[in-house]
């Protein structure tokens, strides 16, 4: 198992296998950078996992499973693609096993703390920080084309999010209409993790578990606590 030293103490290098990055080295680099900047702002600067951009979600699962089989410390982060029932709020492997498009069994040696979901997709996180969305796309951005702000971002269907982002950006003057490859990871660098974890229990679970794994303290303001 790969290790490094931190102030004289051996620390396991943890790998985070993420969905995203497509099949090109350019997009994979953008994916790693986007997640890296997001996690640093979330409080992991100085104790970052090694981010592995895997392309498709099945590739991410397979790479994660192989890493565990090789005795590595690893986490998995993929889109849920669909809503996750409340009774499975802490059982991501059961969700992935039940989902007809996946049927992924929990790998040997894995726990639910190793598996994390972006519900229902990474773009769901963008809706938690509409101010940054508007600033990023600039003149011509139509905030009214986005889903209602009083709706849980985890309840909004993936297709609806893509359609709304395309509609909101179709008349932008300085940037092209939203495109996953062109814009998604640049936006991920800029959005506020505190807003994302406040709006998404699954995102909060991911950040909290990652901080715990990496030995970071978990600080939460009153506004970000569950009511």
Protein backbone atom coordinates (compact mmCIF):
# COMPACT_ATOMS: atom_id res chain seq x y z
CA UNK A 1 0.00 0.00 0.00
CA UNK A 2 1.35 3.39 -1.00
CA UNK A 3 2.26 5.67 1.92
CA UNK A 4 3.76 9.11 2.43
CA UNK A 5 4.94 10.97 5.53
CA UNK A 6 3.22 13.87 7.23
CA UNK A 7 5.19 15.44 10.11
CA UNK A 8 6.91 12.17 10.76
CA UNK A 9 3.77 10.01 10.79
CA UNK A 10 3.00 7.48 8.06
CA UNK A 11 -0.18 8.42 6.16
CA UNK A 12 -1.97 6.18 3.70
CA UNK A 13 -2.45 7.77 0.29
CA UNK A 14 -6.17 7.49 -0.38
CA UNK A 15 -7.50 7.45 -3.93
CA UNK A 16 -10.86 8.97 -4.86
CA UNK A 17 -12.29 7.32 -7.98
CA UNK A 18 -14.72 9.74 -9.61
CA UNK A 19 -17.09 9.51 -12.52
CA UNK A 20 -16.22 12.07 -15.19
CA UNK A 21 -13.55 13.16 -17.62
CA UNK A 22 -14.70 11.27 -20.69
CA UNK A 23 -12.10 9.56 -22.86
CA UNK A 24 -9.61 12.39 -23.47
CA UNK A 25 -6.60 13.36 -21.37
CA UNK A 26 -7.65 17.02 -21.57
CA UNK A 27 -11.06 16.35 -19.99
CA UNK A 28 -9.57 14.01 -17.40
CA UNK A 29 -7.15 16.74 -16.36
CA UNK A 30 -10.04 19.24 -16.15
CA UNK A 31 -12.02 16.75 -14.07
CA UNK A 32 -9.18 16.24 -11.59
CA UNK A 33 -8.62 19.99 -11.32
CA UNK A 34 -12.33 20.70 -10.81
CA UNK A 35 -12.71 18.19 -7.99
CA UNK A 36 -9.39 19.20 -6.47
CA UNK A 37 -10.35 22.88 -6.22
CA UNK A 38 -13.81 22.01 -4.90
CA UNK A 39 -12.37 19.78 -2.17
CA UNK A 40 -9.71 22.29 -1.16
CA UNK A 41 -12.43 24.91 -0.60
CA UNK A 42 -14.42 22.31 1.34
CA UNK A 43 -11.62 22.15 3.91
CA UNK A 44 -9.29 19.46 2.59
CA UNK A 45 -6.38 21.67 1.50
CA UNK A 46 -3.19 20.00 2.65
CA UNK A 47 -4.85 16.60 3.12
CA UNK A 48 -6.11 15.81 -0.34
CA UNK A 49 -6.82 12.34 -1.71
CA UNK A 50 -5.39 11.39 -5.06
CA UNK A 51 -8.22 12.05 -7.52
CA UNK A 52 -8.62 9.48 -10.29
CA UNK A 53 -10.79 10.57 -13.22
CA UNK A 54 -12.37 7.41 -14.59
CA UNK A 55 -14.65 8.54 -17.40
CA UNK A 56 -17.89 6.54 -17.27
CA UNK A 57 -19.49 5.52 -13.99
CA UNK A 58 -19.03 1.80 -14.69
CA UNK A 59 -15.32 2.42 -15.24
CA UNK A 60 -15.19 4.24 -11.91
CA UNK A 61 -16.79 1.27 -10.14
CA UNK A 62 -14.47 -1.23 -11.80
CA UNK A 63 -11.35 0.84 -11.04
CA UNK A 64 -12.45 1.24 -7.42
CA UNK A 65 -13.11 -2.50 -7.09
CA UNK A 66 -9.68 -3.35 -8.52
CA UNK A 67 -8.00 -0.86 -6.17
CA UNK A 68 -9.61 -2.48 -3.14
CA UNK A 69 -8.55 -5.87 -4.41
CA UNK A 70 -4.99 -4.58 -4.53
CA UNK A 71 -5.19 -3.49 -0.91
CA UNK A 72 -5.41 0.23 -1.62
CA UNK A 73 -7.33 2.79 0.41
CA UNK A 74 -10.06 4.09 -1.88
CA UNK A 75 -13.40 5.86 -2.19
CA UNK A 76 -15.92 5.90 -5.04
CA UNK A 77 -17.98 8.92 -6.20
CA UNK A 78 -20.55 8.52 -8.98
CA UNK A 79 -23.85 10.05 -10.11
CA UNK A 80 -26.92 8.32 -8.74
CA UNK A 81 -28.67 9.00 -12.10
CA UNK A 82 -32.03 8.75 -10.31
CA UNK A 83 -33.59 9.77 -6.97
CA UNK A 84 -32.47 7.78 -3.92
CA UNK A 85 -35.17 6.60 -1.52
CA UNK A 86 -34.96 8.03 1.99
CA UNK A 87 -34.61 4.58 3.54
CA UNK A 88 -31.36 4.13 1.57
CA UNK A 89 -29.87 7.43 2.75
CA UNK A 90 -26.88 5.64 4.28
CA UNK A 91 -26.86 2.55 2.06
CA UNK A 92 -25.33 3.52 -1.29
CA UNK A 93 -24.28 -0.03 -2.13
CA UNK A 94 -27.84 -1.28 -1.68
CA UNK A 95 -29.05 1.49 -3.99
CA UNK A 96 -26.49 0.58 -6.66
CA UNK A 97 -27.38 -3.09 -6.36
CA UNK A 98 -31.11 -2.38 -6.65
CA UNK A 99 -30.87 0.07 -9.54
CA UNK A 100 -31.78 -1.68 -12.78
CA UNK A 101 -29.16 0.20 -14.77
CA UNK A 102 -26.37 -0.91 -12.44
CA UNK A 103 -26.86 -4.07 -10.37
CA UNK A 104 -23.44 -3.45 -8.82
CA UNK A 105 -22.60 -5.73 -5.89
CA UNK A 106 -20.62 -4.30 -3.01
CA UNK A 107 -16.97 -5.27 -3.62
CA UNK A 108 -15.21 -7.46 -1.09
CA UNK A 109 -13.69 -5.33 1.63
CA UNK A 110 -15.85 -2.27 0.86
CA UNK A 111 -18.14 -0.48 3.29
CA UNK A 112 -20.94 2.02 2.77
CA UNK A 113 -18.56 4.72 3.98
CA UNK A 114 -16.43 4.07 0.88
CA UNK A 115 -19.25 4.76 -1.59
CA UNK A 116 -20.75 8.17 -2.37
CA UNK A 117 -23.39 9.50 -4.73
CA UNK A 118 -23.92 12.80 -6.50
CA UNK A 119 -27.72 12.93 -6.38
CA UNK A 120 -28.84 12.91 -9.06
CA UNK A 121 -25.77 14.16 -10.97
CA UNK A 122 -22.85 16.53 -10.56
CA UNK A 123 -24.85 19.32 -12.18
CA UNK A 124 -27.29 19.09 -9.28
CA UNK A 125 -24.59 20.70 -7.16
CA UNK A 126 -24.53 23.76 -9.47
CA UNK A 127 -28.14 24.55 -8.59
CA UNK A 128 -27.08 25.05 -4.97
CA UNK A 129 -24.98 28.05 -5.99
CA UNK A 130 -27.03 30.00 -8.52
CA UNK A 131 -25.09 33.18 -7.85
CA UNK A 132 -21.91 31.54 -9.15
CA UNK A 133 -23.78 30.06 -12.11
CA UNK A 134 -25.04 33.51 -13.09
CA UNK A 135 -21.61 35.14 -12.63
CA UNK A 136 -19.90 32.39 -14.63
CA UNK A 137 -22.15 32.67 -17.69
CA UNK A 138 -22.60 36.41 -17.49
CA UNK A 139 -24.81 38.56 -19.68
CA UNK A 140 -27.81 36.74 -21.11
CA UNK A 141 -28.03 34.08 -18.42
CA UNK A 142 -31.69 33.37 -17.63
CA UNK A 143 -32.05 32.44 -13.96
CA UNK A 144 -35.79 31.94 -14.47
CA UNK A 145 -35.10 28.95 -16.74
CA UNK A 146 -33.68 27.00 -13.80
CA UNK A 147 -35.85 24.73 -11.61
CA UNK A 148 -37.64 26.45 -8.74
CA UNK A 149 -35.24 27.38 -5.98
CA UNK A 150 -37.48 26.03 -3.23
CA UNK A 151 -37.22 22.46 -4.52
CA UNK A 152 -34.60 20.05 -3.16
CA UNK A 153 -31.81 19.73 -5.68
CA UNK A 154 -31.69 15.97 -5.05
CA UNK A 155 -35.30 15.62 -6.25
CA UNK A 156 -34.75 17.26 -9.63
CA UNK A 157 -34.42 14.75 -12.48
CA UNK A 158 -31.08 14.63 -14.25
CA UNK A 159 -32.60 15.29 -17.70
CA UNK A 160 -34.51 18.27 -16.34
CA UNK A 161 -31.29 19.76 -14.94
CA UNK A 162 -29.48 19.40 -18.27
CA UNK A 163 -32.43 20.91 -20.16
CA UNK A 164 -32.75 23.82 -17.76
CA UNK A 165 -29.04 24.63 -17.93
CA UNK A 166 -29.21 24.58 -21.72
CA UNK A 167 -32.24 26.89 -21.69
CA UNK A 168 -30.71 29.26 -19.14
CA UNK A 169 -27.53 29.68 -21.20
CA UNK A 170 -28.80 29.69 -24.78
CA UNK A 171 -28.70 33.50 -25.04
CA UNK A 172 -25.46 34.13 -23.15
CA UNK A 173 -23.20 36.72 -24.78
CA UNK A 174 -19.73 35.71 -23.60
CA UNK A 175 -20.05 31.92 -23.27
CA UNK A 176 -21.60 29.21 -25.38
CA UNK A 177 -24.69 27.27 -24.33
CA UNK A 178 -23.98 24.93 -21.42
CA UNK A 179 -21.98 21.90 -22.45
CA UNK A 180 -20.85 19.23 -20.01
CA UNK A 181 -17.34 18.90 -21.38
CA UNK A 182 -16.70 22.60 -21.88
CA UNK A 183 -18.19 24.06 -18.72
CA UNK A 184 -18.87 21.45 -16.03
CA UNK A 185 -15.46 21.13 -14.39
CA UNK A 186 -14.73 24.87 -14.62
CA UNK A 187 -17.98 25.45 -12.74
CA UNK A 188 -17.08 22.78 -10.20
CA UNK A 189 -13.91 24.76 -9.41
CA UNK A 190 -15.94 27.88 -8.66
CA UNK A 191 -19.05 26.78 -6.75
CA UNK A 192 -19.22 27.10 -2.97
CA UNK A 193 -18.97 23.70 -1.21
CA UNK A 194 -20.76 25.10 1.85
CA UNK A 195 -23.82 25.87 -0.27
CA UNK A 196 -23.66 22.43 -1.89
CA UNK A 197 -23.43 20.51 1.38
CA UNK A 198 -26.23 22.59 2.87
CA UNK A 199 -28.51 21.79 -0.09
CA UNK A 200 -27.53 18.14 -0.56
CA UNK A 201 -27.39 15.62 2.33
CA UNK A 202 -25.53 13.21 0.07
CA UNK A 203 -22.88 15.83 -0.69
CA UNK A 204 -22.54 16.58 3.04
CA UNK A 205 -22.16 12.86 3.74
CA UNK A 206 -19.40 12.65 1.11
CA UNK A 207 -17.43 15.62 2.41
CA UNK A 208 -17.77 14.54 6.04
CA UNK A 209 -16.63 10.99 5.34
CA UNK A 210 -13.75 12.18 3.16
CA UNK A 211 -12.57 14.55 5.89
CA UNK A 212 -12.79 11.76 8.42
CA UNK A 213 -10.76 9.46 6.19
CA UNK A 214 -8.13 12.12 5.54
CA UNK A 215 -7.85 13.10 9.22
CA UNK A 216 -9.42 16.55 8.84
CA UNK A 217 -11.61 18.20 11.44
CA UNK A 218 -15.24 18.67 10.53
CA UNK A 219 -16.41 22.23 11.14
CA UNK A 220 -20.03 23.11 10.49
CA UNK A 221 -21.74 26.45 11.00
CA UNK A 222 -25.18 26.73 12.54
CA UNK A 223 -26.66 27.50 9.12
CA UNK A 224 -25.29 24.28 7.66
CA UNK A 225 -26.57 22.00 10.38
CA UNK A 226 -29.61 19.89 9.81
CA UNK A 227 -32.70 21.42 11.30
